[in-house]
Amino acid sequence: MAESADDPSIFWIDPSERGILPLDGFHLPKSLAKVIRQDRFELRFDSAFAAVIDGCAEPAPGRQQTWINADIRGMYLALHAAGHAHSVETWRDGRLVGGLYGVSLGGAFFGESMFSRETDASKVALVFLVDRLRRGGYRLLDTQFITTHLQRFGAVEISRAAYQALLQDAVAAEASFQPPCGEVASPGAVLQAFSQTS
């Protein structure tokens, strides 16, 4: 992370408590399920990775500074070009209105940041991310920190030792972010998948 977009230094964070979103314990709120059922957004994966990073770096309520400086942006773009970083995007009428991105390593996905220019746009992206990770055989979704927003979906904090054990197991696992033929699951298929596990 960096202190701000203008800060040239980068530092690592290894908190004593780590935020994760258990893939088998993900909670889909009824109000958000209704939004998905309405098919309000077009979902895309990896079609505008750089634009998603830039969206995440935009000022937002409660956060006027970004931790994404030029070096960090460049490193994530390189990871994306190498197939290790991915974006989930919500579009409406040809405009990118929300999304998230993260890094994939083995069966672990490290969520980095998300943004929304329309109500529920980033939340829908999160639901489709979790669906894709579950279908792809992932074992860990690392959220780094816990927010009230993520707690609503079932995110929890675990100790550093518990996290490191989960991480070791997940990184060694085989998983695939890309589905056969690159298809995007339909809203109905996503909702059905969550109803079967809730």
C-alpha atoms as a PDB file:
ATOM      1  CA  MET A   1       0.000   0.000   0.000  1.00  0.00           C
ATOM      2  CA  ALA A   2       0.949   3.666  -0.263  1.00  0.00           C
ATOM      3  CA  GLU A   3      -0.150   6.559   1.923  1.00  0.00           C
ATOM      4  CA  SER A   4      -1.516   8.419  -1.101  1.00  0.00           C
ATOM      5  CA  ALA A   5      -1.351   8.556  -4.887  1.00  0.00           C
ATOM      6  CA  ASP A   6       1.573  10.994  -4.621  1.00  0.00           C
ATOM      7  CA  ASP A   7       3.538   8.950  -2.091  1.00  0.00           C
ATOM      8  CA  PRO A   8       6.355   7.058  -3.877  1.00  0.00           C
ATOM      9  CA  SER A   9       6.886   4.601  -1.004  1.00  0.00           C
ATOM     10  CA  ILE A  10       5.146   1.232  -0.692  1.00  0.00           C
ATOM     11  CA  PHE A  11       4.658  -0.742   2.514  1.00  0.00           C
ATOM     12  CA  TRP A  12       3.298  -4.161   3.452  1.00  0.00           C
ATOM     13  CA  ILE A  13       0.603  -4.833   6.031  1.00  0.00           C
ATOM     14  CA  ASP A  14       0.457  -8.059   8.050  1.00  0.00           C
ATOM     15  CA  PRO A  15      -2.250  -7.455  10.675  1.00  0.00           C
ATOM     16  CA  SER A  16      -2.695  -9.631  13.738  1.00  0.00           C
ATOM     17  CA  GLU A  17      -6.331 -10.125  12.657  1.00  0.00           C
ATOM     18  CA  ARG A  18      -7.068 -10.769   8.980  1.00  0.00           C
ATOM     19  CA  GLY A  19     -10.353 -10.320   7.175  1.00  0.00           C
ATOM     20  CA  ILE A  20     -11.685 -13.154   5.037  1.00  0.00           C
ATOM     21  CA  LEU A  21     -15.007 -13.874   3.360  1.00  0.00           C
ATOM     22  CA  PRO A  22     -15.714 -17.612   3.736  1.00  0.00           C
ATOM     23  CA  LEU A  23     -16.848 -18.850   0.329  1.00  0.00           C
ATOM     24  CA  ASP A  24     -19.132 -21.478   1.854  1.00  0.00           C
ATOM     25  CA  GLY A  25     -20.564 -18.982   4.343  1.00  0.00           C
ATOM     26  CA  PHE A  26     -21.320 -16.102   1.995  1.00  0.00           C
ATOM     27  CA  HIS A  27     -24.602 -14.378   2.845  1.00  0.00           C
ATOM     28  CA  LEU A  28     -26.632 -12.986  -0.043  1.00  0.00           C
ATOM     29  CA  PRO A  29     -29.072 -10.351   1.300  1.00  0.00           C
ATOM     30  CA  LYS A  30     -32.607 -10.669  -0.059  1.00  0.00           C
ATOM     31  CA  SER A  31     -32.590  -7.070  -1.270  1.00  0.00           C
ATOM     32  CA  LEU A  32     -29.468  -7.714  -3.336  1.00  0.00           C
ATOM     33  CA  ALA A  33     -30.866 -10.974  -4.696  1.00  0.00           C
ATOM     34  CA  LYS A  34     -33.796  -8.913  -5.974  1.00  0.00           C
ATOM     35  CA  VAL A  35     -31.408  -6.523  -7.755  1.00  0.00           C
ATOM     36  CA  ILE A  36     -29.623  -9.470  -9.393  1.00  0.00           C
ATOM     37  CA  ARG A  37     -32.958 -10.987 -10.432  1.00  0.00           C
ATOM     38  CA  GLN A  38     -33.836  -7.693 -12.148  1.00  0.00           C
ATOM     39  CA  ASP A  39     -30.694  -8.111 -14.306  1.00  0.00           C
ATOM     40  CA  ARG A  40     -29.956  -4.394 -13.897  1.00  0.00           C
ATOM     41  CA  PHE A  41     -26.250  -4.658 -14.739  1.00  0.00           C
ATOM     42  CA  GLU A  42     -24.206  -6.355 -17.422  1.00  0.00           C
ATOM     43  CA  LEU A  43     -21.413  -8.395 -15.841  1.00  0.00           C
ATOM     44  CA  ARG A  44     -18.000  -8.660 -17.422  1.00  0.00           C
ATOM     45  CA  PHE A  45     -14.706 -10.134 -16.301  1.00  0.00           C
ATOM     46  CA  ASP A  46     -11.265  -8.756 -17.216  1.00  0.00           C
ATOM     47  CA  SER A  47     -12.578  -6.498 -19.986  1.00  0.00           C
ATOM     48  CA  ALA A  48     -11.461  -3.186 -18.442  1.00  0.00           C
ATOM     49  CA  PHE A  49      -8.932  -4.019 -15.746  1.00  0.00           C
ATOM     50  CA  ALA A  50      -7.087  -0.677 -15.851  1.00  0.00           C
ATOM     51  CA  ALA A  51     -10.363   1.250 -15.717  1.00  0.00           C
ATOM     52  CA  VAL A  52     -11.396  -0.716 -12.626  1.00  0.00           C
ATOM     53  CA  ILE A  53      -8.148   0.185 -10.852  1.00  0.00           C
ATOM     54  CA  ASP A  54      -8.707   3.822 -11.775  1.00  0.00           C
ATOM     55  CA  GLY A  55     -12.278   3.631 -10.496  1.00  0.00           C
ATOM     56  CA  CYS A  56     -11.028   2.227  -7.202  1.00  0.00           C
ATOM     57  CA  ALA A  57      -8.589   5.131  -6.928  1.00  0.00           C
ATOM     58  CA  GLU A  58     -11.315   7.765  -7.320  1.00  0.00           C
ATOM     59  CA  PRO A  59     -12.293   9.805  -4.250  1.00  0.00           C
ATOM     60  CA  ALA A  60     -15.283   8.267  -2.470  1.00  0.00           C
ATOM     61  CA  PRO A  61     -17.431   9.191   0.539  1.00  0.00           C
ATOM     62  CA  GLY A  62     -15.239   8.852   3.610  1.00  0.00           C
ATOM     63  CA  ARG A  63     -12.092   8.439   1.537  1.00  0.00           C
ATOM     64  CA  GLN A  64     -10.558  11.338  -0.329  1.00  0.00           C
ATOM     65  CA  GLN A  65      -7.100   9.766  -0.693  1.00  0.00           C
ATOM     66  CA  THR A  66      -6.209   6.528  -2.477  1.00  0.00           C
ATOM     67  CA  TRP A  67      -3.523   4.026  -1.512  1.00  0.00           C
ATOM     68  CA  ILE A  68      -2.973   3.232  -5.226  1.00  0.00           C
ATOM     69  CA  ASN A  69       0.081   5.119  -6.452  1.00  0.00           C
ATOM     70  CA  ALA A  70       1.668   4.871  -9.917  1.00  0.00           C
ATOM     71  CA  ASP A  71       4.017   2.020  -8.952  1.00  0.00           C
ATOM     72  CA  ILE A  72       1.226  -0.043  -7.417  1.00  0.00           C
ATOM     73  CA  ARG A  73      -0.987   0.562 -10.447  1.00  0.00           C
ATOM     74  CA  GLY A  74       1.822  -0.549 -12.754  1.00  0.00           C
ATOM     75  CA  MET A  75       2.457  -3.720 -10.747  1.00  0.00           C
ATOM     76  CA  TYR A  76      -1.201  -4.728 -10.825  1.00  0.00           C
ATOM     77  CA  LEU A  77      -1.346  -4.102 -14.564  1.00  0.00           C
ATOM     78  CA  ALA A  78       1.690  -6.378 -14.970  1.00  0.00           C
ATOM     79  CA  LEU A  79       0.047  -9.051 -12.809  1.00  0.00           C
ATOM     80  CA  HIS A  80      -3.078  -8.790 -14.959  1.00  0.00           C
ATOM     81  CA  ALA A  81      -1.047  -9.116 -18.163  1.00  0.00           C
ATOM     82  CA  ALA A  82       0.534 -12.269 -16.703  1.00  0.00           C
ATOM     83  CA  GLY A  83      -2.903 -13.712 -15.860  1.00  0.00           C
ATOM     84  CA  HIS A  84      -2.613 -13.349 -12.075  1.00  0.00           C
ATOM     85  CA  ALA A  85      -4.927 -10.378 -11.462  1.00  0.00           C
ATOM     86  CA  HIS A  86      -8.572 -10.127 -12.443  1.00  0.00           C
ATOM     87  CA  SER A  87     -11.447  -7.688 -12.474  1.00  0.00           C
ATOM     88  CA  VAL A  88     -15.182  -8.151 -12.101  1.00  0.00           C
ATOM     89  CA  GLU A  89     -17.098  -5.305 -13.705  1.00  0.00           C
ATOM     90  CA  THR A  90     -20.671  -4.043 -13.699  1.00  0.00           C
ATOM     91  CA  TRP A  91     -21.782  -2.100 -16.756  1.00  0.00           C
ATOM     92  CA  ARG A  92     -24.926  -0.230 -17.682  1.00  0.00           C
ATOM     93  CA  ASP A  93     -25.699   1.265 -21.096  1.00  0.00           C
ATOM     94  CA  GLY A  94     -22.080   0.807 -22.169  1.00  0.00           C
ATOM     95  CA  ARG A  95     -20.650   2.556 -19.082  1.00  0.00           C
ATOM     96  CA  LEU A  96     -18.520   1.009 -16.370  1.00  0.00           C
ATOM     97  CA  VAL A  97     -20.479   1.725 -13.178  1.00  0.00           C
ATOM     98  CA  GLY A  98     -18.752  -0.462 -10.630  1.00  0.00           C
ATOM     99  CA  GLY A  99     -16.415  -3.323 -10.004  1.00  0.00           C
ATOM    100  CA  LEU A 100     -13.569  -4.836  -8.077  1.00  0.00           C
ATOM    101  CA  TYR A 101     -10.190  -6.390  -8.685  1.00  0.00           C
ATOM    102  CA  GLY A 102      -7.796  -8.757  -6.976  1.00  0.00           C
ATOM    103  CA  VAL A 103      -4.944 -11.206  -7.328  1.00  0.00           C
ATOM    104  CA  SER A 104      -5.293 -14.945  -7.872  1.00  0.00           C
ATOM    105  CA  LEU A 105      -2.704 -17.433  -6.604  1.00  0.00           C
ATOM    106  CA  GLY A 106      -3.548 -21.131  -6.582  1.00  0.00           C
ATOM    107  CA  GLY A 107      -6.906 -21.453  -4.849  1.00  0.00           C
ATOM    108  CA  ALA A 108      -6.616 -18.095  -3.086  1.00  0.00           C
ATOM    109  CA  PHE A 109      -8.060 -14.800  -4.283  1.00  0.00           C
ATOM    110  CA  PHE A 110      -6.876 -11.600  -2.654  1.00  0.00           C
ATOM    111  CA  GLY A 111      -9.500  -8.888  -3.005  1.00  0.00           C
ATOM    112  CA  GLU A 112      -7.769  -5.538  -3.355  1.00  0.00           C
ATOM    113  CA  SER A 113     -10.379  -2.829  -3.847  1.00  0.00           C
ATOM    114  CA  MET A 114     -13.849  -2.092  -5.176  1.00  0.00           C
ATOM    115  CA  PHE A 115     -15.795   0.934  -6.352  1.00  0.00           C
ATOM    116  CA  SER A 116     -19.326   1.919  -7.257  1.00  0.00           C
ATOM    117  CA  ARG A 117     -20.749   4.749  -9.332  1.00  0.00           C
ATOM    118  CA  GLU A 118     -24.306   3.439  -9.017  1.00  0.00           C
ATOM    119  CA  THR A 119     -26.182   1.912  -6.107  1.00  0.00           C
ATOM    120  CA  ASP A 120     -25.424  -1.805  -5.675  1.00  0.00           C
ATOM    121  CA  ALA A 121     -22.961  -1.925  -8.607  1.00  0.00           C
ATOM    122  CA  SER A 122     -19.977  -3.105  -6.541  1.00  0.00           C
ATOM    123  CA  LYS A 123     -22.142  -5.403  -4.402  1.00  0.00           C
ATOM    124  CA  VAL A 124     -23.385  -7.239  -7.487  1.00  0.00           C
ATOM    125  CA  ALA A 125     -19.780  -7.556  -8.674  1.00  0.00           C
ATOM    126  CA  LEU A 126     -18.884  -9.141  -5.331  1.00  0.00           C
ATOM    127  CA  VAL A 127     -21.680 -11.706  -5.631  1.00  0.00           C
ATOM    128  CA  PHE A 128     -20.535 -12.704  -9.113  1.00  0.00           C
ATOM    129  CA  LEU A 129     -16.919 -12.893  -7.886  1.00  0.00           C
ATOM    130  CA  VAL A 130     -17.883 -15.277  -5.088  1.00  0.00           C
ATOM    131  CA  ASP A 131     -19.910 -17.379  -7.531  1.00  0.00           C
ATOM    132  CA  ARG A 132     -16.972 -17.607  -9.931  1.00  0.00           C
ATOM    133  CA  LEU A 133     -14.518 -18.487  -7.168  1.00  0.00           C
ATOM    134  CA  ARG A 134     -16.797 -21.229  -5.890  1.00  0.00           C
ATOM    135  CA  ARG A 135     -17.278 -22.667  -9.363  1.00  0.00           C
ATOM    136  CA  GLY A 136     -13.527 -22.461  -9.987  1.00  0.00           C
ATOM    137  CA  GLY A 137     -12.506 -24.435  -6.901  1.00  0.00           C
ATOM    138  CA  TYR A 138     -11.097 -21.590  -4.794  1.00  0.00           C
ATOM    139  CA  ARG A 139     -10.687 -22.036  -1.049  1.00  0.00           C
ATOM    140  CA  LEU A 140      -9.917 -18.547   0.230  1.00  0.00           C
ATOM    141  CA  LEU A 141     -11.214 -15.045  -0.416  1.00  0.00           C
ATOM    142  CA  ASP A 142      -8.950 -12.628   1.445  1.00  0.00           C
ATOM    143  CA  THR A 143     -10.541  -9.229   2.139  1.00  0.00           C
ATOM    144  CA  GLN A 144      -7.565  -7.937   4.171  1.00  0.00           C
ATOM    145  CA  PHE A 145      -9.722  -5.818   6.478  1.00  0.00           C
ATOM    146  CA  ILE A 146     -13.267  -6.026   7.789  1.00  0.00           C
ATOM    147  CA  THR A 147     -15.832  -3.314   7.122  1.00  0.00           C
ATOM    148  CA  THR A 148     -19.508  -3.171   8.050  1.00  0.00           C
ATOM    149  CA  HIS A 149     -20.181  -3.470   4.314  1.00  0.00           C
ATOM    150  CA  LEU A 150     -18.293  -6.799   4.118  1.00  0.00           C
ATOM    151  CA  GLN A 151     -19.699  -8.077   7.414  1.00  0.00           C
ATOM    152  CA  ARG A 152     -23.132  -7.911   5.838  1.00  0.00           C
ATOM    153  CA  PHE A 153     -21.980 -10.662   3.457  1.00  0.00           C
ATOM    154  CA  GLY A 154     -20.481 -12.847   6.169  1.00  0.00           C
ATOM    155  CA  ALA A 155     -16.906 -11.564   6.354  1.00  0.00           C
ATOM    156  CA  VAL A 156     -15.042 -12.413   9.559  1.00  0.00           C
ATOM    157  CA  GLU A 157     -11.697 -11.733  11.185  1.00  0.00           C
ATOM    158  CA  ILE A 158      -9.339 -14.588  12.009  1.00  0.00           C
ATOM    159  CA  SER A 159      -5.978 -14.681  13.733  1.00  0.00           C
ATOM    160  CA  ARG A 160      -2.733 -14.384  11.800  1.00  0.00           C
ATOM    161  CA  ALA A 161      -1.894 -18.017  12.585  1.00  0.00           C
ATOM    162  CA  ALA A 162      -5.295 -19.278  11.376  1.00  0.00           C
ATOM    163  CA  TYR A 163      -4.989 -17.139   8.266  1.00  0.00           C
ATOM    164  CA  GLN A 164      -1.527 -18.440   7.436  1.00  0.00           C
ATOM    165  CA  ALA A 165      -2.764 -22.028   7.727  1.00  0.00           C
ATOM    166  CA  LEU A 166      -5.702 -21.292   5.392  1.00  0.00           C
ATOM    167  CA  LEU A 167      -3.384 -19.449   3.025  1.00  0.00           C
ATOM    168  CA  GLN A 168      -0.899 -22.312   2.797  1.00  0.00           C
ATOM    169  CA  ASP A 169      -3.670 -24.777   1.991  1.00  0.00           C
ATOM    170  CA  ALA A 170      -5.344 -22.459  -0.543  1.00  0.00           C
ATOM    171  CA  VAL A 171      -2.194 -21.481  -2.448  1.00  0.00           C
ATOM    172  CA  ALA A 172      -1.318 -25.159  -2.906  1.00  0.00           C
ATOM    173  CA  ALA A 173      -4.769 -25.936  -4.350  1.00  0.00           C
ATOM    174  CA  GLU A 174      -5.629 -26.015  -8.032  1.00  0.00           C
ATOM    175  CA  ALA A 175      -8.280 -23.544  -9.102  1.00  0.00           C
ATOM    176  CA  SER A 176      -9.305 -21.694 -12.250  1.00  0.00           C
ATOM    177  CA  PHE A 177     -10.671 -18.175 -12.463  1.00  0.00           C
ATOM    178  CA  GLN A 178     -11.602 -18.563 -16.125  1.00  0.00           C
ATOM    179  CA  PRO A 179     -14.673 -20.710 -16.854  1.00  0.00           C
ATOM    180  CA  PRO A 180     -14.914 -22.853 -19.993  1.00  0.00           C
ATOM    181  CA  CYS A 181     -15.405 -20.694 -23.108  1.00  0.00           C
ATOM    182  CA  GLY A 182     -15.259 -17.555 -20.911  1.00  0.00           C
ATOM    183  CA  GLU A 183     -19.010 -17.525 -20.224  1.00  0.00           C
ATOM    184  CA  VAL A 184     -20.567 -15.405 -17.522  1.00  0.00           C
ATOM    185  CA  ALA A 185     -23.071 -17.207 -15.317  1.00  0.00           C
ATOM    186  CA  SER A 186     -26.619 -15.910 -15.769  1.00  0.00           C
ATOM    187  CA  PRO A 187     -28.321 -14.106 -12.871  1.00  0.00           C
ATOM    188  CA  GLY A 188     -30.663 -17.067 -12.495  1.00  0.00           C
ATOM    189  CA  ALA A 189     -27.790 -19.551 -12.295  1.00  0.00           C
ATOM    190  CA  VAL A 190     -25.987 -17.426  -9.708  1.00  0.00           C
ATOM    191  CA  LEU A 191     -29.091 -17.102  -7.535  1.00  0.00           C
ATOM    192  CA  GLN A 192     -29.782 -20.818  -7.797  1.00  0.00           C
ATOM    193  CA  ALA A 193     -26.211 -21.628  -6.738  1.00  0.00           C
ATOM    194  CA  PHE A 194     -26.539 -19.482  -3.630  1.00  0.00           C
ATOM    195  CA  SER A 195     -29.977 -20.836  -2.748  1.00  0.00           C
ATOM    196  CA  GLN A 196     -28.558 -24.372  -2.778  1.00  0.00           C
ATOM    197  CA  THR A 197     -25.876 -23.491  -0.229  1.00  0.00           C
ATOM    198  CA  SER A 198     -27.764 -21.125   2.083  1.00  0.00           C
END
